[in-house]
């Protein structure tokens, strides 16, 4: 066991589903093309959250907790989806 316990962090990314029109993303993409960035073909905007979890939480329990929080609180499951990463 380490002398130092660092809390686990979950990085949660929420975006609109691909089937949902992302008007803000389209506006950004159009602006980038006008600013001479033709290599950008699409932009999807979203939200980013960092959750700090108790350091005593096991990895599998942390995954379950983050998935529950993301699906019940951070997203509108009708139009949004999420991905996440965990770091110690």
C-alpha atoms as a PDB file:
ATOM      1  CA  UNK A   1       0.000   0.000   0.000  1.00  0.00           C
ATOM      2  CA  UNK A   2       1.246   3.478  -0.879  1.00  0.00           C
ATOM      3  CA  UNK A   3       1.944   6.096   1.743  1.00  0.00           C
ATOM      4  CA  UNK A   4       0.059   8.529  -0.431  1.00  0.00           C
ATOM      5  CA  UNK A   5      -3.551   8.004  -1.404  1.00  0.00           C
ATOM      6  CA  UNK A   6      -4.614  10.030  -4.379  1.00  0.00           C
ATOM      7  CA  UNK A   7      -8.302  10.320  -5.188  1.00  0.00           C
ATOM      8  CA  UNK A   8      -9.474   8.748  -8.414  1.00  0.00           C
ATOM      9  CA  UNK A   9     -10.645  11.164 -11.092  1.00  0.00           C
ATOM     10  CA  UNK A  10     -13.240  10.475 -13.752  1.00  0.00           C
ATOM     11  CA  UNK A  11     -13.137  12.549 -16.932  1.00  0.00           C
ATOM     12  CA  UNK A  12     -16.618  12.516 -18.478  1.00  0.00           C
ATOM     13  CA  UNK A  13     -17.271  13.780 -22.010  1.00  0.00           C
ATOM     14  CA  UNK A  14     -20.874  14.449 -23.033  1.00  0.00           C
ATOM     15  CA  UNK A  15     -21.815  15.095 -26.673  1.00  0.00           C
ATOM     16  CA  UNK A  16     -24.948  15.137 -28.743  1.00  0.00           C
ATOM     17  CA  UNK A  17     -25.732  11.841 -30.423  1.00  0.00           C
ATOM     18  CA  UNK A  18     -24.645  11.665 -34.074  1.00  0.00           C
ATOM     19  CA  UNK A  19     -28.302  11.552 -35.075  1.00  0.00           C
ATOM     20  CA  UNK A  20     -28.942  14.951 -33.425  1.00  0.00           C
ATOM     21  CA  UNK A  21     -28.145  18.150 -35.302  1.00  0.00           C
ATOM     22  CA  UNK A  22     -25.268  20.008 -33.613  1.00  0.00           C
ATOM     23  CA  UNK A  23     -25.970  23.574 -34.739  1.00  0.00           C
ATOM     24  CA  UNK A  24     -23.214  25.061 -32.579  1.00  0.00           C
ATOM     25  CA  UNK A  25     -20.713  22.540 -33.921  1.00  0.00           C
ATOM     26  CA  UNK A  26     -21.727  23.392 -37.496  1.00  0.00           C
ATOM     27  CA  UNK A  27     -21.308  27.110 -36.790  1.00  0.00           C
ATOM     28  CA  UNK A  28     -17.822  26.507 -35.412  1.00  0.00           C
ATOM     29  CA  UNK A  29     -16.886  24.327 -38.398  1.00  0.00           C
ATOM     30  CA  UNK A  30     -18.113  27.000 -40.839  1.00  0.00           C
ATOM     31  CA  UNK A  31     -16.118  29.661 -38.987  1.00  0.00           C
ATOM     32  CA  UNK A  32     -12.985  27.529 -39.118  1.00  0.00           C
ATOM     33  CA  UNK A  33     -13.365  27.101 -42.882  1.00  0.00           C
ATOM     34  CA  UNK A  34     -13.786  30.866 -43.295  1.00  0.00           C
ATOM     35  CA  UNK A  35     -10.629  31.326 -41.210  1.00  0.00           C
ATOM     36  CA  UNK A  36      -8.725  29.114 -43.685  1.00  0.00           C
ATOM     37  CA  UNK A  37      -8.707  25.836 -41.756  1.00  0.00           C
ATOM     38  CA  UNK A  38     -10.002  23.571 -44.540  1.00  0.00           C
ATOM     39  CA  UNK A  39      -8.672  20.391 -42.917  1.00  0.00           C
ATOM     40  CA  UNK A  40     -11.469  20.496 -40.322  1.00  0.00           C
ATOM     41  CA  UNK A  41     -14.430  18.662 -41.815  1.00  0.00           C
ATOM     42  CA  UNK A  42     -16.714  18.425 -38.772  1.00  0.00           C
ATOM     43  CA  UNK A  43     -17.026  19.798 -35.241  1.00  0.00           C
ATOM     44  CA  UNK A  44     -19.094  18.301 -32.443  1.00  0.00           C
ATOM     45  CA  UNK A  45     -19.302  20.402 -29.305  1.00  0.00           C
ATOM     46  CA  UNK A  46     -20.085  19.091 -25.869  1.00  0.00           C
ATOM     47  CA  UNK A  47     -19.523  19.239 -22.144  1.00  0.00           C
ATOM     48  CA  UNK A  48     -16.606  18.056 -20.036  1.00  0.00           C
ATOM     49  CA  UNK A  49     -16.764  17.110 -16.356  1.00  0.00           C
ATOM     50  CA  UNK A  50     -14.085  16.032 -13.884  1.00  0.00           C
ATOM     51  CA  UNK A  51     -15.430  14.014 -10.972  1.00  0.00           C
ATOM     52  CA  UNK A  52     -13.169  13.419  -7.978  1.00  0.00           C
ATOM     53  CA  UNK A  53     -14.039  10.120  -6.313  1.00  0.00           C
ATOM     54  CA  UNK A  54     -13.234   8.763  -2.862  1.00  0.00           C
ATOM     55  CA  UNK A  55      -9.812   7.150  -2.868  1.00  0.00           C
ATOM     56  CA  UNK A  56     -11.238   4.086  -1.106  1.00  0.00           C
ATOM     57  CA  UNK A  57     -13.507   3.263  -4.070  1.00  0.00           C
ATOM     58  CA  UNK A  58     -12.523   0.123  -5.993  1.00  0.00           C
ATOM     59  CA  UNK A  59     -12.040   0.467  -9.762  1.00  0.00           C
ATOM     60  CA  UNK A  60     -15.149  -1.547 -10.695  1.00  0.00           C
ATOM     61  CA  UNK A  61     -17.262   0.381  -8.172  1.00  0.00           C
ATOM     62  CA  UNK A  62     -15.891   3.649  -9.551  1.00  0.00           C
ATOM     63  CA  UNK A  63     -16.861   2.633 -13.103  1.00  0.00           C
ATOM     64  CA  UNK A  64     -20.394   1.758 -11.989  1.00  0.00           C
ATOM     65  CA  UNK A  65     -20.759   5.019 -10.058  1.00  0.00           C
ATOM     66  CA  UNK A  66     -19.493   7.174 -12.940  1.00  0.00           C
ATOM     67  CA  UNK A  67     -21.759   5.422 -15.454  1.00  0.00           C
ATOM     68  CA  UNK A  68     -24.756   5.914 -13.168  1.00  0.00           C
ATOM     69  CA  UNK A  69     -23.978   9.596 -12.568  1.00  0.00           C
ATOM     70  CA  UNK A  70     -23.343  10.249 -16.256  1.00  0.00           C
ATOM     71  CA  UNK A  71     -26.511   8.539 -17.438  1.00  0.00           C
ATOM     72  CA  UNK A  72     -28.822   9.871 -14.704  1.00  0.00           C
ATOM     73  CA  UNK A  73     -27.471  13.364 -14.036  1.00  0.00           C
ATOM     74  CA  UNK A  74     -24.959  14.645 -16.597  1.00  0.00           C
ATOM     75  CA  UNK A  75     -26.726  13.677 -19.819  1.00  0.00           C
ATOM     76  CA  UNK A  76     -30.114  13.824 -21.425  1.00  0.00           C
ATOM     77  CA  UNK A  77     -30.172  10.230 -22.720  1.00  0.00           C
ATOM     78  CA  UNK A  78     -32.663  11.089 -25.456  1.00  0.00           C
ATOM     79  CA  UNK A  79     -30.208  13.359 -27.291  1.00  0.00           C
ATOM     80  CA  UNK A  80     -26.795  12.938 -25.616  1.00  0.00           C
ATOM     81  CA  UNK A  81     -24.224  10.222 -25.082  1.00  0.00           C
ATOM     82  CA  UNK A  82     -21.123  10.034 -22.909  1.00  0.00           C
ATOM     83  CA  UNK A  83     -17.702   8.521 -22.689  1.00  0.00           C
ATOM     84  CA  UNK A  84     -15.335   8.602 -19.742  1.00  0.00           C
ATOM     85  CA  UNK A  85     -11.874   7.714 -18.524  1.00  0.00           C
ATOM     86  CA  UNK A  86     -10.671   6.974 -15.017  1.00  0.00           C
ATOM     87  CA  UNK A  87      -7.282   7.940 -13.633  1.00  0.00           C
ATOM     88  CA  UNK A  88      -5.676   7.229 -10.276  1.00  0.00           C
END
